[in-house]
Amino acid sequence: MMFQMNPGYAALSVIAMILVYLGLKRTRAGERDLSAVLKGVLFQLTRQLQVRIQKGEAEVDMNSWRPSSVAISRHSLQESFYI
């Protein structure tokens, strides 16, 4: 787990996590439990990442543009001009 950390800091961080958990459990007794809150946080993070990825894909450089579909007909392989 935390092998390369200072044992004092590792113990302090575990105690801090326990205190935060107990504090949230006491103040939010009638509401959802911590697992539901964490599930909501993870959902929001993945949603924000998906939006960021979609925005990044929307910016297409016209020099490296490639068609997303190619139409082929019986005339596709015929020469369109003669030299």
C-alpha atoms as a PDB file:
ATOM      1  CA  MET A   1       0.000   0.000   0.000  1.00  0.00           C
ATOM      2  CA  MET A   2       2.131   2.878   1.208  1.00  0.00           C
ATOM      3  CA  PHE A   3       5.492   1.159   1.567  1.00  0.00           C
ATOM      4  CA  GLN A   4       7.742   3.964   0.445  1.00  0.00           C
ATOM      5  CA  MET A   5       5.995   6.706   2.417  1.00  0.00           C
ATOM      6  CA  ASN A   6       6.894   7.890   5.846  1.00  0.00           C
ATOM      7  CA  PRO A   7       4.869   5.664   8.235  1.00  0.00           C
ATOM      8  CA  GLY A   8       3.777   8.714  10.244  1.00  0.00           C
ATOM      9  CA  TYR A   9       2.287  10.417   7.196  1.00  0.00           C
ATOM     10  CA  ALA A  10       0.665   7.148   6.084  1.00  0.00           C
ATOM     11  CA  ALA A  11      -1.015   6.704   9.459  1.00  0.00           C
ATOM     12  CA  LEU A  12      -2.048  10.363   9.505  1.00  0.00           C
ATOM     13  CA  SER A  13      -3.656  10.054   6.060  1.00  0.00           C
ATOM     14  CA  VAL A  14      -5.585   6.912   7.079  1.00  0.00           C
ATOM     15  CA  ILE A  15      -6.833   8.668  10.224  1.00  0.00           C
ATOM     16  CA  ALA A  16      -7.847  11.703   8.157  1.00  0.00           C
ATOM     17  CA  MET A  17      -9.803   9.493   5.741  1.00  0.00           C
ATOM     18  CA  ILE A  18     -11.590   7.799   8.642  1.00  0.00           C
ATOM     19  CA  LEU A  19     -12.471  11.162  10.204  1.00  0.00           C
ATOM     20  CA  VAL A  20     -13.822  12.505   6.904  1.00  0.00           C
ATOM     21  CA  TYR A  21     -15.916   9.353   6.448  1.00  0.00           C
ATOM     22  CA  LEU A  22     -17.325   9.514   9.978  1.00  0.00           C
ATOM     23  CA  GLY A  23     -18.017  13.240   9.651  1.00  0.00           C
ATOM     24  CA  LEU A  24     -19.904  12.767   6.396  1.00  0.00           C
ATOM     25  CA  LYS A  25     -21.809   9.816   7.798  1.00  0.00           C
ATOM     26  CA  ARG A  26     -22.895  11.800  10.865  1.00  0.00           C
ATOM     27  CA  THR A  27     -23.863  15.039   9.068  1.00  0.00           C
ATOM     28  CA  ARG A  28     -25.622  13.288   6.192  1.00  0.00           C
ATOM     29  CA  ALA A  29     -27.450  10.594   8.161  1.00  0.00           C
ATOM     30  CA  GLY A  30     -30.732  10.803   6.228  1.00  0.00           C
ATOM     31  CA  GLU A  31     -29.136  11.108   2.796  1.00  0.00           C
ATOM     32  CA  ARG A  32     -27.370   8.692   0.501  1.00  0.00           C
ATOM     33  CA  ASP A  33     -24.399   6.761   1.746  1.00  0.00           C
ATOM     34  CA  LEU A  34     -20.809   7.444   0.755  1.00  0.00           C
ATOM     35  CA  SER A  35     -20.745   4.797  -1.959  1.00  0.00           C
ATOM     36  CA  ALA A  36     -23.604   6.527  -3.786  1.00  0.00           C
ATOM     37  CA  VAL A  37     -21.777   9.847  -3.538  1.00  0.00           C
ATOM     38  CA  LEU A  38     -18.586   8.316  -4.921  1.00  0.00           C
ATOM     39  CA  LYS A  39     -20.556   6.665  -7.718  1.00  0.00           C
ATOM     40  CA  GLY A  40     -21.995  10.064  -8.646  1.00  0.00           C
ATOM     41  CA  VAL A  41     -18.570  11.688  -8.584  1.00  0.00           C
ATOM     42  CA  LEU A  42     -17.122   8.996 -10.862  1.00  0.00           C
ATOM     43  CA  PHE A  43     -20.081   9.376 -13.225  1.00  0.00           C
ATOM     44  CA  GLN A  44     -19.524  13.133 -13.466  1.00  0.00           C
ATOM     45  CA  LEU A  45     -15.779  12.704 -14.049  1.00  0.00           C
ATOM     46  CA  THR A  46     -16.299  10.211 -16.866  1.00  0.00           C
ATOM     47  CA  ARG A  47     -18.959  12.456 -18.386  1.00  0.00           C
ATOM     48  CA  GLN A  48     -16.587  15.446 -18.356  1.00  0.00           C
ATOM     49  CA  LEU A  49     -13.829  13.350 -19.920  1.00  0.00           C
ATOM     50  CA  GLN A  50     -16.162  12.167 -22.689  1.00  0.00           C
ATOM     51  CA  VAL A  51     -17.197  15.747 -23.437  1.00  0.00           C
ATOM     52  CA  ARG A  52     -13.538  16.832 -23.555  1.00  0.00           C
ATOM     53  CA  ILE A  53     -12.677  13.968 -25.928  1.00  0.00           C
ATOM     54  CA  GLN A  54     -15.612  14.826 -28.192  1.00  0.00           C
ATOM     55  CA  LYS A  55     -14.571  18.481 -28.316  1.00  0.00           C
ATOM     56  CA  GLY A  56     -11.030  17.431 -29.206  1.00  0.00           C
ATOM     57  CA  GLU A  57     -12.290  15.254 -32.056  1.00  0.00           C
ATOM     58  CA  ALA A  58     -14.443  18.091 -33.408  1.00  0.00           C
ATOM     59  CA  GLU A  59     -11.394  20.192 -34.306  1.00  0.00           C
ATOM     60  CA  VAL A  60     -10.237  18.643 -37.579  1.00  0.00           C
ATOM     61  CA  ASP A  61      -7.201  19.941 -39.403  1.00  0.00           C
ATOM     62  CA  MET A  62      -8.191  20.359 -43.041  1.00  0.00           C
ATOM     63  CA  ASN A  63      -4.704  19.329 -44.208  1.00  0.00           C
ATOM     64  CA  SER A  64      -5.118  15.868 -42.697  1.00  0.00           C
ATOM     65  CA  TRP A  65      -8.819  15.463 -43.472  1.00  0.00           C
ATOM     66  CA  ARG A  66     -10.016  12.040 -44.584  1.00  0.00           C
ATOM     67  CA  PRO A  67     -13.512  11.150 -45.793  1.00  0.00           C
ATOM     68  CA  SER A  68     -15.601   9.104 -43.420  1.00  0.00           C
ATOM     69  CA  SER A  69     -17.353   7.285 -46.242  1.00  0.00           C
ATOM     70  CA  VAL A  70     -16.505   6.426 -49.835  1.00  0.00           C
ATOM     71  CA  ALA A  71     -19.137   5.952 -52.527  1.00  0.00           C
ATOM     72  CA  ILE A  72     -18.345   3.359 -55.190  1.00  0.00           C
ATOM     73  CA  SER A  73     -20.354   2.863 -58.345  1.00  0.00           C
ATOM     74  CA  ARG A  74     -19.871   0.980 -61.586  1.00  0.00           C
ATOM     75  CA  HIS A  75     -18.219   4.079 -63.057  1.00  0.00           C
ATOM     76  CA  SER A  76     -15.623   4.413 -60.253  1.00  0.00           C
ATOM     77  CA  LEU A  77     -12.890   2.443 -61.999  1.00  0.00           C
ATOM     78  CA  GLN A  78     -13.335   4.047 -65.418  1.00  0.00           C
ATOM     79  CA  GLU A  79     -10.911   6.723 -66.473  1.00  0.00           C
ATOM     80  CA  SER A  80     -12.551  10.093 -66.238  1.00  0.00           C
ATOM     81  CA  PHE A  81     -10.265  11.805 -68.736  1.00  0.00           C
ATOM     82  CA  TYR A  82      -8.057  10.819 -71.634  1.00  0.00           C
ATOM     83  CA  ILE A  83      -4.591  12.154 -72.345  1.00  0.00           C
END
